[in-house]
N, C-alpha and C. Protein backbone atom coordinates (compact mmCIF):
# COMPACT_ATOMS: atom_id res chain seq x y z
N MET A 1 11.46 17.49 -9.93
CA MET A 1 10.59 16.39 -9.52
C MET A 1 11.46 15.23 -9.07
N GLU A 2 11.16 14.70 -7.91
CA GLU A 2 11.92 13.58 -7.37
C GLU A 2 11.03 12.37 -7.22
N ILE A 3 11.46 11.24 -7.73
CA ILE A 3 10.75 9.98 -7.52
C ILE A 3 11.51 9.19 -6.47
N LEU A 4 10.82 8.83 -5.38
CA LEU A 4 11.46 8.13 -4.29
C LEU A 4 11.89 6.74 -4.73
N GLU A 5 12.99 6.25 -4.10
CA GLU A 5 13.40 4.87 -4.33
C GLU A 5 12.69 3.99 -3.31
N PHE A 6 12.13 2.88 -3.75
CA PHE A 6 11.39 2.00 -2.88
C PHE A 6 12.18 0.72 -2.67
N PRO A 7 11.96 0.03 -1.53
CA PRO A 7 12.65 -1.25 -1.30
C PRO A 7 12.14 -2.32 -2.23
N LEU A 8 13.01 -2.85 -3.07
CA LEU A 8 12.65 -3.90 -4.02
C LEU A 8 13.38 -5.18 -3.68
N GLY A 9 12.91 -6.27 -4.22
CA GLY A 9 13.57 -7.55 -4.00
C GLY A 9 14.95 -7.56 -4.62
N THR A 10 15.73 -8.58 -4.29
CA THR A 10 17.08 -8.66 -4.83
C THR A 10 17.09 -9.05 -6.29
N ASN A 11 16.04 -9.71 -6.75
CA ASN A 11 15.98 -10.17 -8.14
C ASN A 11 15.26 -9.11 -8.97
N THR A 12 16.01 -8.11 -9.46
CA THR A 12 15.36 -6.97 -10.09
C THR A 12 15.89 -6.71 -11.50
N MET A 13 16.40 -7.74 -12.17
CA MET A 13 16.88 -7.54 -13.53
C MET A 13 15.77 -7.04 -14.44
N LEU A 14 14.55 -7.44 -14.16
CA LEU A 14 13.42 -6.98 -14.96
C LEU A 14 13.31 -5.46 -14.95
N LEU A 15 13.68 -4.85 -13.83
CA LEU A 15 13.49 -3.41 -13.67
C LEU A 15 14.72 -2.59 -14.05
N ASN A 16 15.83 -3.25 -14.38
CA ASN A 16 17.04 -2.54 -14.79
C ASN A 16 17.02 -2.28 -16.29
N ARG A 17 15.97 -1.65 -16.77
CA ARG A 17 15.78 -1.49 -18.20
C ARG A 17 15.15 -0.14 -18.50
N GLN A 18 15.17 0.23 -19.80
CA GLN A 18 14.49 1.44 -20.25
C GLN A 18 13.32 1.14 -21.18
N THR A 19 13.30 -0.06 -21.79
CA THR A 19 12.21 -0.37 -22.72
C THR A 19 11.68 -1.78 -22.46
N TYR A 20 10.37 -1.93 -22.67
CA TYR A 20 9.69 -3.21 -22.50
C TYR A 20 8.70 -3.40 -23.64
N PHE A 21 8.70 -4.58 -24.22
CA PHE A 21 7.69 -4.93 -25.20
C PHE A 21 6.66 -5.82 -24.52
N ILE A 22 5.41 -5.40 -24.50
CA ILE A 22 4.32 -6.13 -23.84
C ILE A 22 3.49 -6.83 -24.91
N LYS A 23 3.35 -8.15 -24.77
CA LYS A 23 2.64 -8.94 -25.77
C LYS A 23 1.61 -9.83 -25.09
N GLU A 24 0.35 -9.63 -25.43
CA GLU A 24 -0.73 -10.38 -24.80
C GLU A 24 -0.80 -11.81 -25.31
N HIS A 25 -1.13 -12.75 -24.43
CA HIS A 25 -1.42 -14.12 -24.83
C HIS A 25 -2.79 -14.16 -25.49
N ALA A 26 -2.86 -14.68 -26.68
CA ALA A 26 -4.13 -14.78 -27.40
C ALA A 26 -4.86 -16.05 -26.99
N ALA A 27 -6.19 -15.91 -26.75
CA ALA A 27 -7.00 -17.06 -26.38
C ALA A 27 -8.46 -16.70 -26.53
N LEU A 28 -9.29 -17.70 -26.77
CA LEU A 28 -10.72 -17.49 -26.90
C LEU A 28 -11.40 -17.70 -25.55
N LEU A 29 -12.38 -16.86 -25.25
CA LEU A 29 -13.22 -17.00 -24.06
C LEU A 29 -12.40 -17.07 -22.78
N LYS A 30 -11.34 -16.30 -22.69
CA LYS A 30 -10.51 -16.31 -21.49
C LYS A 30 -11.11 -15.40 -20.41
N LEU A 31 -10.95 -15.81 -19.16
CA LEU A 31 -11.47 -15.03 -18.04
C LEU A 31 -10.42 -14.09 -17.47
N THR A 32 -9.14 -14.35 -17.72
CA THR A 32 -8.07 -13.50 -17.23
C THR A 32 -7.08 -13.24 -18.36
N ASP A 33 -6.27 -12.20 -18.18
CA ASP A 33 -5.29 -11.82 -19.19
C ASP A 33 -3.88 -12.15 -18.72
N THR A 34 -3.03 -12.54 -19.67
CA THR A 34 -1.62 -12.79 -19.40
C THR A 34 -0.79 -12.10 -20.47
N TYR A 35 0.29 -11.46 -20.05
CA TYR A 35 1.14 -10.70 -20.98
C TYR A 35 2.59 -11.11 -20.79
N ASP A 36 3.26 -11.45 -21.88
CA ASP A 36 4.71 -11.63 -21.84
C ASP A 36 5.37 -10.27 -21.85
N ILE A 37 6.43 -10.12 -21.08
CA ILE A 37 7.24 -8.90 -21.08
C ILE A 37 8.56 -9.26 -21.75
N LEU A 38 8.83 -8.62 -22.89
CA LEU A 38 9.96 -9.00 -23.73
C LEU A 38 10.96 -7.87 -23.86
N ASP A 39 12.18 -8.23 -24.19
CA ASP A 39 13.19 -7.26 -24.59
C ASP A 39 12.84 -6.83 -26.01
N PRO A 40 12.59 -5.54 -26.25
CA PRO A 40 12.16 -5.11 -27.58
C PRO A 40 13.17 -5.41 -28.69
N GLU A 41 14.45 -5.42 -28.37
CA GLU A 41 15.46 -5.62 -29.40
C GLU A 41 15.69 -7.09 -29.72
N THR A 42 15.77 -7.93 -28.69
CA THR A 42 16.05 -9.35 -28.91
C THR A 42 14.80 -10.21 -28.89
N GLN A 43 13.69 -9.64 -28.36
CA GLN A 43 12.42 -10.35 -28.18
C GLN A 43 12.54 -11.51 -27.18
N ALA A 44 13.60 -11.51 -26.39
CA ALA A 44 13.75 -12.50 -25.33
C ALA A 44 12.77 -12.18 -24.19
N LYS A 45 12.23 -13.23 -23.59
CA LYS A 45 11.28 -13.03 -22.49
C LYS A 45 12.04 -12.64 -21.23
N ILE A 46 11.61 -11.53 -20.61
CA ILE A 46 12.28 -11.05 -19.40
C ILE A 46 11.33 -11.02 -18.21
N GLY A 47 10.06 -11.31 -18.43
CA GLY A 47 9.09 -11.31 -17.34
C GLY A 47 7.71 -11.65 -17.85
N ILE A 48 6.76 -11.68 -16.93
CA ILE A 48 5.38 -11.99 -17.31
C ILE A 48 4.44 -11.26 -16.36
N ALA A 49 3.34 -10.77 -16.89
CA ALA A 49 2.29 -10.12 -16.10
C ALA A 49 1.04 -10.99 -16.18
N LYS A 50 0.54 -11.42 -15.02
CA LYS A 50 -0.59 -12.32 -14.99
C LYS A 50 -1.72 -11.71 -14.16
N GLU A 51 -2.89 -11.61 -14.78
CA GLU A 51 -4.06 -11.15 -14.05
C GLU A 51 -4.56 -12.31 -13.19
N GLN A 52 -4.63 -12.08 -11.89
CA GLN A 52 -5.02 -13.14 -10.95
C GLN A 52 -6.02 -12.58 -9.94
N PRO A 53 -7.28 -12.41 -10.37
CA PRO A 53 -8.30 -11.86 -9.47
C PRO A 53 -8.69 -12.87 -8.39
N PRO A 54 -9.39 -12.43 -7.34
CA PRO A 54 -9.90 -13.39 -6.35
C PRO A 54 -10.77 -14.43 -7.03
N GLY A 55 -10.80 -15.64 -6.47
CA GLY A 55 -11.55 -16.72 -7.08
C GLY A 55 -13.01 -16.38 -7.31
N TRP A 56 -13.64 -15.74 -6.32
CA TRP A 56 -15.06 -15.40 -6.47
C TRP A 56 -15.28 -14.39 -7.58
N ALA A 57 -14.32 -13.43 -7.73
CA ALA A 57 -14.46 -12.43 -8.79
C ALA A 57 -14.26 -13.06 -10.17
N LYS A 58 -13.37 -14.05 -10.25
CA LYS A 58 -13.15 -14.75 -11.52
C LYS A 58 -14.41 -15.48 -11.95
N ILE A 59 -15.09 -16.13 -10.99
CA ILE A 59 -16.33 -16.84 -11.32
C ILE A 59 -17.42 -15.86 -11.75
N LEU A 60 -17.51 -14.72 -11.06
CA LEU A 60 -18.53 -13.73 -11.39
C LEU A 60 -18.35 -13.14 -12.78
N ARG A 61 -17.13 -13.24 -13.34
CA ARG A 61 -16.89 -12.72 -14.68
C ARG A 61 -17.72 -13.44 -15.74
N LEU A 62 -18.22 -14.61 -15.39
CA LEU A 62 -19.10 -15.32 -16.31
C LEU A 62 -20.46 -14.62 -16.44
N LEU A 63 -20.78 -13.80 -15.43
CA LEU A 63 -22.10 -13.15 -15.39
C LEU A 63 -22.04 -11.63 -15.43
N VAL A 64 -20.93 -11.07 -14.96
CA VAL A 64 -20.80 -9.62 -14.79
C VAL A 64 -19.62 -9.11 -15.60
N ASN A 65 -19.77 -7.91 -16.16
CA ASN A 65 -18.66 -7.26 -16.88
C ASN A 65 -17.45 -7.18 -15.96
N LYS A 66 -16.32 -7.71 -16.39
CA LYS A 66 -15.15 -7.80 -15.53
C LYS A 66 -14.59 -6.42 -15.14
N LYS A 67 -14.91 -5.39 -15.92
CA LYS A 67 -14.45 -4.05 -15.58
C LYS A 67 -15.08 -3.53 -14.29
N LEU A 68 -16.17 -4.16 -13.84
CA LEU A 68 -16.85 -3.74 -12.63
C LEU A 68 -16.31 -4.42 -11.38
N LEU A 69 -15.47 -5.43 -11.55
CA LEU A 69 -15.03 -6.27 -10.44
C LEU A 69 -13.56 -6.02 -10.08
N PRO A 70 -13.20 -6.33 -8.84
CA PRO A 70 -11.80 -6.19 -8.44
C PRO A 70 -10.89 -7.15 -9.20
N THR A 71 -9.64 -6.76 -9.33
CA THR A 71 -8.67 -7.65 -9.95
C THR A 71 -7.27 -7.33 -9.45
N THR A 72 -6.36 -8.27 -9.64
CA THR A 72 -4.95 -8.09 -9.31
C THR A 72 -4.11 -8.54 -10.49
N VAL A 73 -3.10 -7.76 -10.84
CA VAL A 73 -2.14 -8.15 -11.87
C VAL A 73 -0.78 -8.29 -11.19
N ASN A 74 -0.23 -9.50 -11.21
CA ASN A 74 1.08 -9.75 -10.61
C ASN A 74 2.15 -9.75 -11.70
N ILE A 75 3.24 -9.05 -11.44
CA ILE A 75 4.32 -8.95 -12.41
C ILE A 75 5.52 -9.74 -11.88
N TYR A 76 5.90 -10.77 -12.64
CA TYR A 76 6.97 -11.67 -12.24
C TYR A 76 8.17 -11.52 -13.17
N GLU A 77 9.35 -11.68 -12.60
CA GLU A 77 10.52 -11.90 -13.46
C GLU A 77 10.63 -13.40 -13.75
N ASN A 78 10.40 -14.21 -12.73
CA ASN A 78 10.33 -15.67 -12.87
C ASN A 78 9.09 -16.14 -12.14
N GLU A 79 8.28 -16.96 -12.80
CA GLU A 79 7.01 -17.37 -12.24
C GLU A 79 7.14 -18.22 -10.99
N ASN A 80 8.29 -18.86 -10.79
CA ASN A 80 8.47 -19.69 -9.60
C ASN A 80 8.99 -18.90 -8.41
N GLU A 81 9.00 -17.57 -8.53
CA GLU A 81 9.43 -16.69 -7.45
C GLU A 81 8.32 -15.69 -7.16
N PRO A 82 8.38 -15.00 -6.01
CA PRO A 82 7.35 -14.00 -5.70
C PRO A 82 7.34 -12.91 -6.77
N PRO A 83 6.19 -12.24 -6.95
CA PRO A 83 6.13 -11.14 -7.94
C PRO A 83 7.03 -9.98 -7.55
N GLN A 84 7.54 -9.30 -8.55
CA GLN A 84 8.31 -8.09 -8.31
C GLN A 84 7.42 -6.99 -7.71
N PHE A 85 6.21 -6.90 -8.24
CA PHE A 85 5.22 -5.98 -7.69
C PHE A 85 3.85 -6.39 -8.24
N SER A 86 2.80 -5.80 -7.69
CA SER A 86 1.44 -6.14 -8.10
C SER A 86 0.60 -4.87 -8.27
N ILE A 87 -0.39 -4.97 -9.15
CA ILE A 87 -1.34 -3.89 -9.41
C ILE A 87 -2.70 -4.36 -8.88
N HIS A 88 -3.29 -3.58 -7.99
CA HIS A 88 -4.57 -3.95 -7.38
C HIS A 88 -5.64 -2.92 -7.71
N ARG A 89 -6.74 -3.38 -8.29
CA ARG A 89 -7.89 -2.52 -8.57
C ARG A 89 -9.09 -3.04 -7.78
N GLY A 90 -9.83 -2.11 -7.17
CA GLY A 90 -11.03 -2.47 -6.43
C GLY A 90 -12.25 -2.50 -7.33
N PHE A 91 -13.42 -2.37 -6.72
CA PHE A 91 -14.66 -2.32 -7.50
C PHE A 91 -14.68 -1.06 -8.37
N ALA A 92 -15.58 -1.04 -9.35
CA ALA A 92 -15.61 0.02 -10.36
C ALA A 92 -15.80 1.40 -9.75
N PHE A 93 -16.53 1.51 -8.62
CA PHE A 93 -16.78 2.82 -8.05
C PHE A 93 -15.52 3.44 -7.46
N SER A 94 -14.49 2.62 -7.21
CA SER A 94 -13.23 3.13 -6.71
C SER A 94 -12.33 3.51 -7.88
N ARG A 95 -11.81 4.72 -7.89
CA ARG A 95 -10.96 5.18 -8.98
C ARG A 95 -9.48 4.97 -8.69
N LYS A 96 -9.16 4.34 -7.56
CA LYS A 96 -7.77 4.16 -7.15
C LYS A 96 -7.26 2.78 -7.54
N VAL A 97 -6.05 2.73 -8.07
CA VAL A 97 -5.36 1.49 -8.39
C VAL A 97 -4.04 1.49 -7.63
N ARG A 98 -3.83 0.52 -6.75
CA ARG A 98 -2.66 0.49 -5.88
C ARG A 98 -1.53 -0.35 -6.49
N ILE A 99 -0.30 0.10 -6.27
CA ILE A 99 0.89 -0.64 -6.69
C ILE A 99 1.63 -1.04 -5.42
N VAL A 100 1.81 -2.35 -5.22
CA VAL A 100 2.45 -2.83 -4.00
C VAL A 100 3.57 -3.81 -4.33
N GLY A 101 4.52 -3.93 -3.41
CA GLY A 101 5.63 -4.86 -3.58
C GLY A 101 5.28 -6.25 -3.10
N ALA A 102 6.23 -7.16 -3.23
CA ALA A 102 6.00 -8.56 -2.88
C ALA A 102 5.68 -8.73 -1.41
N ASN A 103 6.19 -7.83 -0.56
CA ASN A 103 5.95 -7.91 0.88
C ASN A 103 4.84 -6.98 1.34
N GLY A 104 4.08 -6.43 0.38
CA GLY A 104 2.96 -5.57 0.72
C GLY A 104 3.31 -4.11 0.89
N GLU A 105 4.58 -3.74 0.65
CA GLU A 105 4.96 -2.34 0.78
C GLU A 105 4.35 -1.50 -0.35
N ALA A 106 3.93 -0.29 -0.02
CA ALA A 106 3.27 0.58 -1.00
C ALA A 106 4.31 1.24 -1.90
N PHE A 107 4.12 1.11 -3.21
CA PHE A 107 4.94 1.82 -4.18
C PHE A 107 4.28 3.11 -4.63
N GLY A 108 2.97 3.19 -4.48
CA GLY A 108 2.21 4.35 -4.94
C GLY A 108 0.85 3.91 -5.44
N HIS A 109 0.14 4.83 -6.08
CA HIS A 109 -1.15 4.46 -6.65
C HIS A 109 -1.50 5.36 -7.82
N PHE A 110 -2.44 4.90 -8.63
CA PHE A 110 -2.98 5.66 -9.75
C PHE A 110 -4.41 6.08 -9.41
N GLN A 111 -4.79 7.26 -9.86
CA GLN A 111 -6.15 7.75 -9.66
C GLN A 111 -6.69 8.20 -11.01
N SER A 112 -7.77 7.55 -11.48
CA SER A 112 -8.33 7.94 -12.78
C SER A 112 -8.95 9.31 -12.69
N LYS A 113 -8.95 10.02 -13.81
CA LYS A 113 -9.48 11.38 -13.87
C LYS A 113 -10.99 11.35 -14.07
N LEU A 114 -11.69 12.21 -13.35
CA LEU A 114 -13.14 12.30 -13.50
C LEU A 114 -13.52 12.91 -14.84
N PHE A 115 -12.80 13.96 -15.22
CA PHE A 115 -13.12 14.67 -16.46
C PHE A 115 -11.85 14.84 -17.28
N SER A 116 -11.81 14.17 -18.42
CA SER A 116 -10.66 14.26 -19.31
C SER A 116 -11.08 13.84 -20.70
N LEU A 117 -10.85 14.71 -21.68
CA LEU A 117 -11.23 14.40 -23.06
C LEU A 117 -10.40 13.25 -23.61
N GLY A 118 -9.14 13.18 -23.23
CA GLY A 118 -8.27 12.15 -23.77
C GLY A 118 -8.11 10.95 -22.86
N GLY A 119 -8.72 11.02 -21.67
CA GLY A 119 -8.53 9.94 -20.72
C GLY A 119 -7.20 10.07 -20.01
N GLY A 120 -6.89 9.09 -19.17
CA GLY A 120 -5.63 9.11 -18.46
C GLY A 120 -5.84 9.05 -16.96
N PHE A 121 -4.72 9.08 -16.22
CA PHE A 121 -4.81 9.01 -14.78
C PHE A 121 -3.58 9.66 -14.16
N ASN A 122 -3.72 10.03 -12.89
CA ASN A 122 -2.63 10.65 -12.15
C ASN A 122 -1.86 9.59 -11.37
N VAL A 123 -0.58 9.86 -11.13
CA VAL A 123 0.31 8.93 -10.45
C VAL A 123 0.77 9.55 -9.14
N PHE A 124 0.64 8.80 -8.05
CA PHE A 124 0.98 9.29 -6.71
C PHE A 124 2.04 8.40 -6.08
N ASP A 125 2.91 9.00 -5.26
CA ASP A 125 3.92 8.23 -4.55
C ASP A 125 3.33 7.68 -3.25
N PRO A 126 4.11 6.92 -2.47
CA PRO A 126 3.58 6.32 -1.24
C PRO A 126 3.11 7.36 -0.21
N ASN A 127 3.58 8.62 -0.34
CA ASN A 127 3.18 9.68 0.57
C ASN A 127 1.96 10.45 0.08
N ASN A 128 1.29 9.88 -0.95
CA ASN A 128 0.07 10.46 -1.51
C ASN A 128 0.32 11.80 -2.21
N GLN A 129 1.56 12.01 -2.67
CA GLN A 129 1.91 13.21 -3.41
C GLN A 129 1.90 12.89 -4.91
N GLN A 130 1.20 13.72 -5.70
CA GLN A 130 1.19 13.47 -7.13
C GLN A 130 2.56 13.75 -7.71
N ILE A 131 3.10 12.80 -8.48
CA ILE A 131 4.42 12.98 -9.07
C ILE A 131 4.36 13.00 -10.59
N ALA A 132 3.25 12.53 -11.16
CA ALA A 132 3.17 12.47 -12.62
C ALA A 132 1.73 12.19 -13.04
N GLU A 133 1.52 12.19 -14.34
CA GLU A 133 0.23 11.79 -14.91
C GLU A 133 0.46 11.07 -16.22
N VAL A 134 -0.47 10.23 -16.59
CA VAL A 134 -0.45 9.55 -17.88
C VAL A 134 -1.43 10.26 -18.79
N LYS A 135 -0.94 10.78 -19.90
CA LYS A 135 -1.77 11.53 -20.84
C LYS A 135 -1.65 10.91 -22.21
N GLY A 136 -2.72 11.03 -23.00
CA GLY A 136 -2.61 10.53 -24.36
C GLY A 136 -3.93 10.40 -25.07
N ASP A 137 -3.87 9.80 -26.24
CA ASP A 137 -5.04 9.56 -27.06
C ASP A 137 -5.66 8.24 -26.61
N TRP A 138 -6.75 8.31 -25.86
CA TRP A 138 -7.35 7.12 -25.29
C TRP A 138 -7.99 6.22 -26.35
N LYS A 139 -8.23 6.76 -27.54
CA LYS A 139 -8.79 5.94 -28.62
C LYS A 139 -7.70 5.17 -29.35
N GLY A 140 -6.47 5.61 -29.20
CA GLY A 140 -5.37 4.95 -29.87
C GLY A 140 -4.39 4.40 -28.86
N TRP A 141 -3.11 4.40 -29.20
CA TRP A 141 -2.10 3.87 -28.31
C TRP A 141 -0.87 4.76 -28.28
N ASN A 142 -1.08 6.04 -27.95
CA ASN A 142 0.03 6.96 -27.80
C ASN A 142 -0.15 7.70 -26.47
N PHE A 143 0.65 7.31 -25.48
CA PHE A 143 0.54 7.88 -24.15
C PHE A 143 1.89 8.40 -23.69
N LYS A 144 1.85 9.41 -22.84
CA LYS A 144 3.07 9.97 -22.26
C LYS A 144 2.96 9.95 -20.75
N PHE A 145 4.11 9.70 -20.13
CA PHE A 145 4.23 9.70 -18.68
C PHE A 145 4.88 11.03 -18.34
N ILE A 146 4.09 12.00 -17.82
CA ILE A 146 4.55 13.38 -17.65
C ILE A 146 4.72 13.70 -16.17
N ALA A 147 5.91 14.19 -15.79
CA ALA A 147 6.17 14.60 -14.42
C ALA A 147 5.43 15.90 -14.11
N THR A 148 5.27 16.20 -12.83
CA THR A 148 4.55 17.42 -12.44
C THR A 148 5.27 18.68 -12.88
N ASP A 149 6.58 18.59 -13.15
CA ASP A 149 7.31 19.76 -13.64
C ASP A 149 7.29 19.85 -15.17
N GLY A 150 6.52 18.95 -15.82
CA GLY A 150 6.37 19.01 -17.27
C GLY A 150 7.31 18.12 -18.05
N ARG A 151 8.29 17.51 -17.39
CA ARG A 151 9.24 16.65 -18.10
C ARG A 151 8.57 15.35 -18.53
N GLU A 152 8.95 14.86 -19.71
CA GLU A 152 8.46 13.57 -20.18
C GLU A 152 9.33 12.47 -19.60
N LEU A 153 8.70 11.57 -18.83
CA LEU A 153 9.43 10.47 -18.21
C LEU A 153 9.43 9.21 -19.05
N GLY A 154 8.45 9.10 -19.95
CA GLY A 154 8.37 7.89 -20.76
C GLY A 154 7.15 7.89 -21.65
N THR A 155 7.02 6.84 -22.45
CA THR A 155 5.91 6.72 -23.38
C THR A 155 5.38 5.29 -23.40
N VAL A 156 4.14 5.16 -23.83
CA VAL A 156 3.52 3.87 -24.11
C VAL A 156 2.96 3.98 -25.51
N THR A 157 3.43 3.14 -26.43
CA THR A 157 3.04 3.29 -27.82
C THR A 157 3.08 1.95 -28.55
N LYS A 158 2.36 1.85 -29.63
CA LYS A 158 2.40 0.68 -30.50
C LYS A 158 3.53 0.77 -31.52
N LYS A 159 4.17 1.93 -31.60
CA LYS A 159 5.19 2.13 -32.62
C LYS A 159 6.54 2.34 -31.94
N TRP A 160 7.52 1.53 -32.34
CA TRP A 160 8.88 1.69 -31.84
C TRP A 160 9.83 1.24 -32.91
N ALA A 161 10.89 2.02 -33.14
CA ALA A 161 11.77 1.79 -34.28
C ALA A 161 12.48 0.45 -34.23
N GLY A 162 12.60 -0.15 -33.03
CA GLY A 162 13.35 -1.38 -32.91
C GLY A 162 12.58 -2.64 -33.25
N ILE A 163 11.28 -2.53 -33.54
CA ILE A 163 10.47 -3.72 -33.80
C ILE A 163 9.74 -3.58 -35.12
N GLY A 164 9.64 -4.66 -35.85
CA GLY A 164 8.92 -4.64 -37.11
C GLY A 164 7.42 -4.48 -36.91
N LYS A 165 6.75 -3.94 -37.91
CA LYS A 165 5.32 -3.67 -37.80
C LYS A 165 4.49 -4.95 -37.64
N GLU A 166 5.02 -6.07 -38.10
CA GLU A 166 4.23 -7.29 -38.05
C GLU A 166 3.91 -7.74 -36.63
N LEU A 167 4.67 -7.24 -35.64
CA LEU A 167 4.42 -7.63 -34.26
C LEU A 167 3.26 -6.85 -33.64
N PHE A 168 2.84 -5.79 -34.31
CA PHE A 168 1.80 -4.94 -33.74
C PHE A 168 0.48 -5.18 -34.47
N THR A 169 -0.10 -6.33 -34.23
CA THR A 169 -1.32 -6.69 -34.93
C THR A 169 -2.57 -6.39 -34.12
N SER A 170 -2.42 -6.01 -32.85
CA SER A 170 -3.57 -5.64 -32.03
C SER A 170 -3.15 -4.58 -31.04
N ALA A 171 -4.15 -3.94 -30.41
CA ALA A 171 -3.87 -2.89 -29.44
C ALA A 171 -3.26 -3.44 -28.16
N ASP A 172 -3.13 -4.76 -28.05
CA ASP A 172 -2.62 -5.36 -26.84
C ASP A 172 -1.14 -5.70 -26.92
N ASN A 173 -0.48 -5.31 -28.01
CA ASN A 173 0.96 -5.42 -28.14
C ASN A 173 1.51 -4.00 -28.20
N TYR A 174 2.40 -3.66 -27.27
CA TYR A 174 2.86 -2.28 -27.23
C TYR A 174 4.20 -2.19 -26.52
N VAL A 175 4.85 -1.03 -26.63
CA VAL A 175 6.16 -0.80 -26.02
C VAL A 175 6.05 0.28 -24.95
N ILE A 176 6.63 -0.01 -23.80
CA ILE A 176 6.76 0.97 -22.72
C ILE A 176 8.23 1.39 -22.70
N SER A 177 8.46 2.69 -22.76
CA SER A 177 9.83 3.19 -22.87
C SER A 177 10.08 4.32 -21.87
N LEU A 178 11.16 4.20 -21.10
CA LEU A 178 11.60 5.25 -20.19
C LEU A 178 12.45 6.26 -20.94
N SER A 179 12.21 7.54 -20.66
CA SER A 179 12.95 8.59 -21.35
C SER A 179 14.25 8.97 -20.65
N ASP A 180 14.30 8.78 -19.33
CA ASP A 180 15.45 9.24 -18.55
C ASP A 180 16.03 8.07 -17.77
N PRO A 181 17.21 7.57 -18.15
CA PRO A 181 17.79 6.40 -17.48
C PRO A 181 18.21 6.67 -16.04
N SER A 182 18.27 7.93 -15.63
CA SER A 182 18.71 8.27 -14.28
C SER A 182 17.59 8.18 -13.25
N LEU A 183 16.38 7.86 -13.69
CA LEU A 183 15.25 7.85 -12.76
C LEU A 183 15.26 6.67 -11.81
N GLY A 184 15.89 5.58 -12.19
CA GLY A 184 16.04 4.45 -11.29
C GLY A 184 14.90 3.47 -11.30
N LYS A 185 15.00 2.47 -10.40
CA LYS A 185 14.04 1.36 -10.38
C LYS A 185 12.64 1.81 -9.98
N ALA A 186 12.53 2.80 -9.12
CA ALA A 186 11.20 3.26 -8.70
C ALA A 186 10.40 3.75 -9.89
N ALA A 187 11.07 4.51 -10.78
CA ALA A 187 10.39 4.98 -11.98
C ALA A 187 10.04 3.82 -12.89
N SER A 188 10.93 2.82 -12.96
CA SER A 188 10.64 1.64 -13.79
C SER A 188 9.40 0.93 -13.29
N VAL A 189 9.27 0.78 -11.97
CA VAL A 189 8.09 0.14 -11.41
C VAL A 189 6.84 0.91 -11.78
N LEU A 190 6.84 2.22 -11.55
CA LEU A 190 5.64 3.02 -11.79
C LEU A 190 5.30 3.11 -13.27
N LEU A 191 6.32 3.24 -14.13
CA LEU A 191 6.04 3.33 -15.57
C LEU A 191 5.57 2.00 -16.13
N LEU A 192 6.22 0.91 -15.75
CA LEU A 192 5.79 -0.40 -16.21
C LEU A 192 4.37 -0.69 -15.71
N ALA A 193 4.11 -0.37 -14.45
CA ALA A 193 2.77 -0.56 -13.89
C ALA A 193 1.75 0.32 -14.61
N ALA A 194 2.13 1.56 -14.92
CA ALA A 194 1.20 2.46 -15.61
C ALA A 194 0.88 1.96 -17.00
N GLY A 195 1.90 1.48 -17.72
CA GLY A 195 1.65 0.95 -19.06
C GLY A 195 0.73 -0.25 -19.05
N LEU A 196 0.95 -1.16 -18.09
CA LEU A 196 0.08 -2.32 -17.97
C LEU A 196 -1.32 -1.92 -17.53
N ALA A 197 -1.40 -0.93 -16.66
CA ALA A 197 -2.71 -0.49 -16.15
C ALA A 197 -3.56 0.13 -17.25
N ILE A 198 -2.93 0.79 -18.22
CA ILE A 198 -3.68 1.36 -19.33
C ILE A 198 -4.53 0.29 -19.99
N ASP A 199 -3.91 -0.85 -20.25
CA ASP A 199 -4.59 -1.92 -20.98
C ASP A 199 -5.44 -2.80 -20.08
N VAL A 200 -4.85 -3.32 -19.02
CA VAL A 200 -5.51 -4.33 -18.20
C VAL A 200 -6.55 -3.72 -17.26
N VAL A 201 -6.30 -2.52 -16.75
CA VAL A 201 -7.16 -1.94 -15.73
C VAL A 201 -8.09 -0.86 -16.26
N PHE A 202 -7.54 0.12 -16.97
CA PHE A 202 -8.34 1.27 -17.34
C PHE A 202 -9.02 1.14 -18.70
N LYS A 203 -8.39 0.40 -19.62
CA LYS A 203 -8.88 0.41 -20.98
C LYS A 203 -9.29 -0.97 -21.48
N GLU A 204 -9.40 -1.94 -20.58
CA GLU A 204 -9.62 -3.32 -21.00
C GLU A 204 -10.96 -3.50 -21.66
N LYS A 205 -11.01 -4.51 -22.52
CA LYS A 205 -12.25 -4.85 -23.22
C LYS A 205 -13.05 -5.79 -22.35
N ASN A 206 -14.31 -6.01 -22.75
CA ASN A 206 -15.15 -6.93 -21.98
C ASN A 206 -14.62 -8.36 -22.16
């Protein structure tokens, strides 16, 4: 299985990693979600993921379940710079979630499964070729990023040996981990996007 390398910005320290700790900002009655992206070992902040839907869709969230409306999640290394990449979801009837770069270049997309006992979604490259799938226990927080040849590319889980249990007080704090360091930045983009999409796009609460 080959994952293509995509053109990324020059500021890519966020993607030169194998593990990410994702921690949601807690707030009452919030209309959008924000997640800090941390180094799991040092807990230093290395990026941020911000849900930034269109203005009209944000207003409609006061009246309509937000899972039915389009949204965008922008992933930044530094908030004063363009996003490293973005996750775009359309209306609920569309099962496709697009991953695009700062200049609009396609990194690939996710397609939710119509029939799956455990939930999950398939991962496609920019040429519309399936390269992997996200599988796991949709009721809990144990997911695997599986290549089409059966290899495990990474995991999304609430449990990681490098962090104390006290940090995992809700389903919105979790670790994304790459299994193979040779996969490169393209795999980092898709795995990080897939981990965020599990929570923000596919499994989000009302």
